[in-house]
Every structure is written in structure tokens, then in C-alpha cells.
């Protein structure tokens, strides 16, 4: 890998990419990360890209790394076919390298992991965890691609003024000690976990691992959270139990009414 490409990796992610760039094997394939642009989102968390303004993205097979002011990580936009775009997380889940697109698959220039551009699934190791997919919509008439960074899951309560209200009628597991509920609230756009611990207390945490930004998974039997990328483990209150992560998960305030659990600070 050339010095220029090492510098390019660092330029996308900053100093955190220095270690990854420094350890790249000399035989790493000459595949560049996608070109980078900086944008801002609306107050609702929507990014609108006028595709014709970006020559690296406009043709089929094109791609663009989009850094959004205030967002935790860039996103990768790929032009898969006529009027068909996908938006995925732009960082490889193996060693946190910024990704590129060869016109058919998303490719990591560091160790040649590959991902399906449509759904982010791994198609070639060493990565074992897929990429996060973002909600997007392309308007062929205006040639504008809209990316909703705060889209939620259907059926899960929205975050309204930073508050998510989960009724016991809809989420009965929250009545029971040992119960766990998770989902992505619209208005926030990231998964949250709510635990009714064995002692009856309630906790709620964000799902984004503080090591390299992968999404953690709940382990009901252990009443904890496991990062599938690099095996960090967090308690139900978000504290690091073991692994390479050194910082706790983001924590939310939880309260309880007669008919619901209320999570605040979801913003």
C-alpha cells in the first residue's frame, strides 16, 4: 500500500485510523476507500444529496463517503444500478478501515473483506459482521437521494423530545424480572436496550460499542451485551465487563409509571 493511500485512510477517520493504516500488509490490494464529502443534515436528521453534484457517485458503480456534521460516523453511498442506491456504515467491522466500492461489492482496502452493497451482509472474510444499513430514498425526477439517519423500526415507539415510552401492554417483557426489550426509535436512529434486571430495577443503554462502533447484541441468559465484532462484553447497565472496549455504553435515564417504562435522554 502506498504512502498516499495510508494518508487517505487517516484523512477519513483521523488519528484513530493511524494504527489500522500502519498495520496494513504490504500485499494489501490497491483498492481505495470511496471519495469523501462533508455535508450537514436537517434538524430531523435527513441528508439530501443532489446526485448530479457528485461525479464520483453519479455513474452506476460510483460511490461516496459522506461525513455528516455531528454524526458519530460517516456513511458509504453506493450507486448499484440505474436509480438504485444503498447507504451503509462506511467502516469495516473487522479492523475499522474505511470502505470502498468496486461497482459490485463493498470492499475493505486493508484486508479485502467484502460486503453486499444492498444489505451490508459479509460476502468475504475476514470480517464476520455485516454493515449497518441506513434508510434512504431516491427521487429520479429531482435526482435527490434522501438519507434518514434517525429512521426507526416499525412498531417501536419513537423518541419524542428525547423520550421513548414503552407501554406494558405492548412490551409485557418489561414487567418481568430478567426481561429485555430492544428496538430502534425513530428520531434517534440507533438501537437501544431496556433491561428489567433480576432485582427488579430498570436500565437502558445504547447499542453502539465504544471500541469500533459495532452494534452489540443482548445475551438473555447472561443478562449482558456482547459485541460480535471484537468480543467486548458490557453489563446491563452499560459498564465494560471484559474485552477490548474501555469506555461504557451510552446510558439513559429510566423511570416507571403504572402502565409504562419511560426512557429519557434518547437524543
Protein backbone atom coordinates (compact mmCIF):
# COMPACT_ATOMS: atom_id res chain seq x y z
CA UNK A 1 0.00 0.00 0.00
CA UNK A 2 1.37 3.40 -0.94
CA UNK A 3 2.03 6.25 1.47
CA UNK A 4 -0.68 8.21 -0.32
CA UNK A 5 -3.32 5.60 0.45
CA UNK A 6 -2.22 5.37 4.08
CA UNK A 7 -2.63 9.10 4.37
CA UNK A 8 -6.04 8.87 2.72
CA UNK A 9 -7.22 6.34 5.32
CA UNK A 10 -6.07 8.63 8.12
CA UNK A 11 -7.75 11.60 6.47
CA UNK A 12 -11.15 9.93 6.55
CA UNK A 13 -11.10 8.75 10.15
CA UNK A 14 -8.50 10.99 11.75
CA UNK A 15 -5.85 9.75 14.14
CA UNK A 16 -7.90 6.69 15.12
CA UNK A 17 -7.11 5.23 11.71
CA UNK A 18 -3.37 5.60 12.16
CA UNK A 19 -2.96 2.24 13.85
CA UNK A 20 -5.01 0.41 11.24
CA UNK A 21 -3.12 2.08 8.40
CA UNK A 22 0.23 1.33 9.99
CA UNK A 23 -0.50 -2.40 10.25
CA UNK A 24 -1.73 -2.96 6.70
CA UNK A 25 0.09 -5.81 4.97
CA UNK A 26 2.38 -4.88 2.10
CA UNK A 27 0.36 -7.14 -0.19
CA UNK A 28 -2.93 -5.36 0.54
CA UNK A 29 -4.90 -4.86 -2.69
CA UNK A 30 -4.76 -1.49 -4.39
CA UNK A 31 -8.40 -0.60 -3.75
CA UNK A 32 -9.07 2.90 -2.49
CA UNK A 33 -11.73 3.96 0.02
CA UNK A 34 -14.62 5.86 -1.53
CA UNK A 35 -14.06 9.62 -2.08
CA UNK A 36 -15.19 11.82 0.80
CA UNK A 37 -17.56 14.75 1.06
CA UNK A 38 -18.78 16.74 4.07
CA UNK A 39 -22.47 17.62 4.45
CA UNK A 40 -24.98 18.74 7.04
CA UNK A 41 -28.28 17.12 7.94
CA UNK A 42 -31.64 18.75 8.54
CA UNK A 43 -32.93 19.20 12.07
CA UNK A 44 -34.80 15.90 11.56
CA UNK A 45 -31.59 14.08 10.68
CA UNK A 46 -32.16 13.85 6.93
CA UNK A 47 -29.30 14.30 4.45
CA UNK A 48 -30.29 15.33 0.91
CA UNK A 49 -27.73 14.66 -1.81
CA UNK A 50 -28.19 16.17 -5.26
CA UNK A 51 -26.55 13.25 -7.06
CA UNK A 52 -25.58 15.26 -10.14
CA UNK A 53 -23.31 17.40 -7.96
CA UNK A 54 -21.10 14.41 -7.11
CA UNK A 55 -19.25 12.99 -10.15
CA UNK A 56 -17.86 10.14 -8.05
CA UNK A 57 -21.39 8.99 -7.19
CA UNK A 58 -23.41 9.89 -10.30
CA UNK A 59 -22.45 6.99 -12.62
CA UNK A 60 -23.60 3.43 -11.92
CA UNK A 61 -20.78 1.81 -9.95
CA UNK A 62 -19.90 5.09 -8.26
CA UNK A 63 -19.61 5.63 -4.53
CA UNK A 64 -19.12 8.35 -1.95
CA UNK A 65 -18.20 8.50 1.73
CA UNK A 66 -20.45 11.09 3.36
CA UNK A 67 -19.31 12.72 6.59
CA UNK A 68 -22.27 14.34 8.32
CA UNK A 69 -21.62 17.16 10.74
CA UNK A 70 -22.39 15.98 14.27
CA UNK A 71 -22.86 12.31 13.32
CA UNK A 72 -20.80 9.63 15.04
CA UNK A 73 -19.51 8.01 11.84
CA UNK A 74 -19.54 8.56 8.06
CA UNK A 75 -21.83 6.61 5.74
CA UNK A 76 -20.99 4.95 2.44
CA UNK A 77 -23.33 5.64 -0.51
CA UNK A 78 -23.13 3.23 -3.46
CA UNK A 79 -24.76 3.57 -6.89
CA UNK A 80 -25.71 -0.03 -7.59
CA UNK A 81 -27.85 0.31 -10.74
CA UNK A 82 -29.93 2.92 -12.53
CA UNK A 83 -31.95 4.79 -9.87
CA UNK A 84 -30.74 2.29 -7.24
CA UNK A 85 -28.60 3.49 -4.33
CA UNK A 86 -27.67 1.99 -0.97
CA UNK A 87 -26.40 3.64 2.20
CA UNK A 88 -24.31 1.62 4.66
CA UNK A 89 -21.91 2.22 7.51
CA UNK A 90 -18.57 3.14 5.94
CA UNK A 91 -16.21 1.41 8.38
CA UNK A 92 -15.17 -2.24 8.09
CA UNK A 93 -16.28 -4.32 11.07
CA UNK A 94 -13.01 -6.25 11.04
CA UNK A 95 -10.33 -3.60 11.68
CA UNK A 96 -12.16 -0.27 11.32
CA UNK A 97 -10.77 0.62 7.89
CA UNK A 98 -12.80 2.95 5.62
CA UNK A 99 -14.51 1.08 2.79
CA UNK A 100 -14.58 1.37 -0.98
CA UNK A 101 -16.84 0.07 -3.77
CA UNK A 102 -15.70 -1.83 -6.85
CA UNK A 103 -19.02 -1.44 -8.66
CA UNK A 104 -20.29 -4.82 -7.47
CA UNK A 105 -19.31 -5.21 -3.83
CA UNK A 106 -18.23 -3.04 -0.93
CA UNK A 107 -14.55 -3.78 -0.34
CA UNK A 108 -12.19 -3.14 2.56
CA UNK A 109 -8.80 -1.96 1.20
CA UNK A 110 -6.98 -3.18 4.31
CA UNK A 111 -7.69 -6.92 4.40
CA UNK A 112 -10.07 -7.48 1.47
CA UNK A 113 -13.25 -8.17 3.40
CA UNK A 114 -16.26 -7.78 1.11
CA UNK A 115 -19.90 -6.90 1.73
CA UNK A 116 -23.15 -6.97 -0.23
CA UNK A 117 -23.94 -3.34 -1.14
CA UNK A 118 -27.71 -3.89 -0.86
CA UNK A 119 -27.95 -5.20 2.70
CA UNK A 120 -24.40 -4.97 4.07
CA UNK A 121 -24.02 -8.74 4.57
CA UNK A 122 -20.50 -10.19 4.61
CA UNK A 123 -19.60 -11.90 1.33
CA UNK A 124 -15.90 -12.45 2.01
CA UNK A 125 -13.97 -12.73 5.26
CA UNK A 126 -12.02 -11.87 7.41
CA UNK A 127 -14.92 -9.65 8.52
CA UNK A 128 -17.68 -11.70 10.15
CA UNK A 129 -20.19 -8.96 10.99
CA UNK A 130 -22.20 -7.11 8.36
CA UNK A 131 -22.53 -3.37 7.84
CA UNK A 132 -25.36 -1.27 9.20
CA UNK A 133 -27.90 -0.24 6.56
CA UNK A 134 -29.47 3.23 6.61
CA UNK A 135 -32.90 4.17 5.29
CA UNK A 136 -32.72 6.09 2.03
CA UNK A 137 -34.97 7.07 -0.88
CA UNK A 138 -34.04 8.26 -4.36
CA UNK A 139 -36.27 10.57 -6.42
CA UNK A 140 -35.47 10.07 -10.14
CA UNK A 141 -37.36 13.24 -11.10
CA UNK A 142 -35.23 15.53 -8.92
CA UNK A 143 -32.18 13.22 -8.74
CA UNK A 144 -32.04 13.73 -4.98
CA UNK A 145 -31.08 10.93 -2.62
CA UNK A 146 -32.54 11.39 0.88
CA UNK A 147 -30.83 9.59 3.76
CA UNK A 148 -32.71 9.36 7.06
CA UNK A 149 -30.09 8.97 9.79
CA UNK A 150 -32.72 8.79 12.52
CA UNK A 151 -35.17 6.34 10.98
CA UNK A 152 -36.65 3.80 13.36
CA UNK A 153 -38.11 0.32 13.31
CA UNK A 154 -41.78 -0.10 12.52
CA UNK A 155 -43.75 -0.89 15.65
CA UNK A 156 -41.19 0.52 18.08
CA UNK A 157 -42.06 3.79 19.86
CA UNK A 158 -40.49 6.99 18.53
CA UNK A 159 -38.22 9.27 20.52
CA UNK A 160 -40.20 12.43 21.14
CA UNK A 161 -38.25 15.28 22.72
CA UNK A 162 -35.67 12.71 23.77
CA UNK A 163 -38.23 10.43 25.46
CA UNK A 164 -39.29 6.89 24.50
CA UNK A 165 -42.39 5.50 26.17
CA UNK A 166 -42.82 1.71 26.19
CA UNK A 167 -46.19 0.55 27.48
CA UNK A 168 -46.51 -2.73 29.34
CA UNK A 169 -49.40 -3.62 27.05
CA UNK A 170 -47.07 -3.52 24.03
CA UNK A 171 -43.93 -4.76 25.80
CA UNK A 172 -45.05 -7.15 28.57
CA UNK A 173 -41.48 -8.48 28.99
CA UNK A 174 -40.68 -5.26 30.86
CA UNK A 175 -42.95 -6.35 33.70
CA UNK A 176 -40.88 -9.45 34.40
CA UNK A 177 -37.54 -9.63 36.17
CA UNK A 178 -34.97 -10.70 33.58
CA UNK A 179 -36.99 -9.20 30.73
CA UNK A 180 -35.21 -7.47 27.83
CA UNK A 181 -36.65 -5.27 25.07
CA UNK A 182 -34.75 -3.67 22.21
CA UNK A 183 -35.57 -1.62 19.15
CA UNK A 184 -34.69 1.42 17.08
CA UNK A 185 -36.78 4.51 17.90
CA UNK A 186 -37.38 6.95 15.06
CA UNK A 187 -35.96 10.32 15.95
CA UNK A 188 -32.85 8.57 17.30
CA UNK A 189 -31.95 6.01 14.65
CA UNK A 190 -29.89 3.64 16.79
CA UNK A 191 -30.92 0.53 18.70
CA UNK A 192 -31.48 0.81 22.43
CA UNK A 193 -31.78 -1.96 25.03
CA UNK A 194 -34.05 -1.86 28.07
CA UNK A 195 -33.49 -4.39 30.88
CA UNK A 196 -35.68 -5.37 33.82
CA UNK A 197 -32.89 -6.85 35.87
CA UNK A 198 -33.26 -9.81 38.20
CA UNK A 199 -33.56 -7.47 41.19
CA UNK A 200 -36.45 -5.60 39.51
CA UNK A 201 -34.51 -2.44 38.66
CA UNK A 202 -34.59 -0.97 35.17
CA UNK A 203 -31.68 0.07 32.95
CA UNK A 204 -31.44 1.32 29.37
CA UNK A 205 -28.36 1.69 27.17
CA UNK A 206 -27.35 2.48 23.61
CA UNK A 207 -26.24 -0.37 21.32
CA UNK A 208 -23.09 1.15 19.79
CA UNK A 209 -19.91 -0.46 21.07
CA UNK A 210 -17.39 2.13 22.22
CA UNK A 211 -14.47 0.21 20.72
CA UNK A 212 -15.10 0.48 16.97
CA UNK A 213 -18.80 1.32 16.63
CA UNK A 214 -20.30 -2.13 16.04
CA UNK A 215 -23.81 -2.90 17.29
CA UNK A 216 -23.89 -5.06 20.43
CA UNK A 217 -26.29 -7.96 20.99
CA UNK A 218 -28.20 -8.96 24.10
CA UNK A 219 -27.48 -12.28 25.79
CA UNK A 220 -30.62 -13.00 27.84
CA UNK A 221 -29.14 -15.89 29.82
CA UNK A 222 -26.18 -13.80 30.93
CA UNK A 223 -28.19 -10.56 31.24
CA UNK A 224 -25.46 -8.69 29.41
CA UNK A 225 -24.48 -7.32 25.99
CA UNK A 226 -21.91 -8.81 23.63
CA UNK A 227 -20.12 -7.12 20.73
CA UNK A 228 -19.86 -9.64 17.85
CA UNK A 229 -17.02 -7.75 16.15
CA UNK A 230 -14.31 -7.96 18.79
CA UNK A 231 -15.96 -9.76 21.74
CA UNK A 232 -16.27 -6.93 24.25
CA UNK A 233 -18.88 -7.61 26.93
CA UNK A 234 -20.95 -4.98 28.74
CA UNK A 235 -23.23 -5.28 31.75
CA UNK A 236 -26.96 -4.50 31.53
CA UNK A 237 -26.11 -1.04 32.86
CA UNK A 238 -23.58 -0.48 30.06
CA UNK A 239 -20.35 -0.93 32.02
CA UNK A 240 -17.42 -2.78 30.47
CA UNK A 241 -17.11 -6.32 31.82
CA UNK A 242 -14.35 -7.62 29.56
CA UNK A 243 -12.77 -7.25 26.15
CA UNK A 244 -11.03 -4.52 24.19
CA UNK A 245 -13.57 -1.75 24.86
CA UNK A 246 -12.51 0.65 27.60
CA UNK A 247 -15.49 3.01 27.77
CA UNK A 248 -19.05 2.18 28.86
CA UNK A 249 -22.03 2.24 26.54
CA UNK A 250 -24.14 5.38 26.49
CA UNK A 251 -26.66 5.18 29.32
CA UNK A 252 -30.20 6.56 29.51
CA UNK A 253 -32.40 7.53 32.42
CA UNK A 254 -35.28 5.13 33.07
CA UNK A 255 -38.45 5.68 35.06
CA UNK A 256 -41.63 3.70 35.53
CA UNK A 257 -45.31 4.63 35.63
CA UNK A 258 -48.30 2.40 36.34
CA UNK A 259 -48.59 1.43 32.68
CA UNK A 260 -45.20 2.06 31.04
CA UNK A 261 -41.44 2.33 31.18
CA UNK A 262 -40.12 5.75 30.12
CA UNK A 263 -36.59 6.15 28.75
CA UNK A 264 -35.24 9.72 28.59
CA UNK A 265 -32.12 11.25 27.10
CA UNK A 266 -32.59 9.40 23.80
CA UNK A 267 -31.14 12.07 21.56
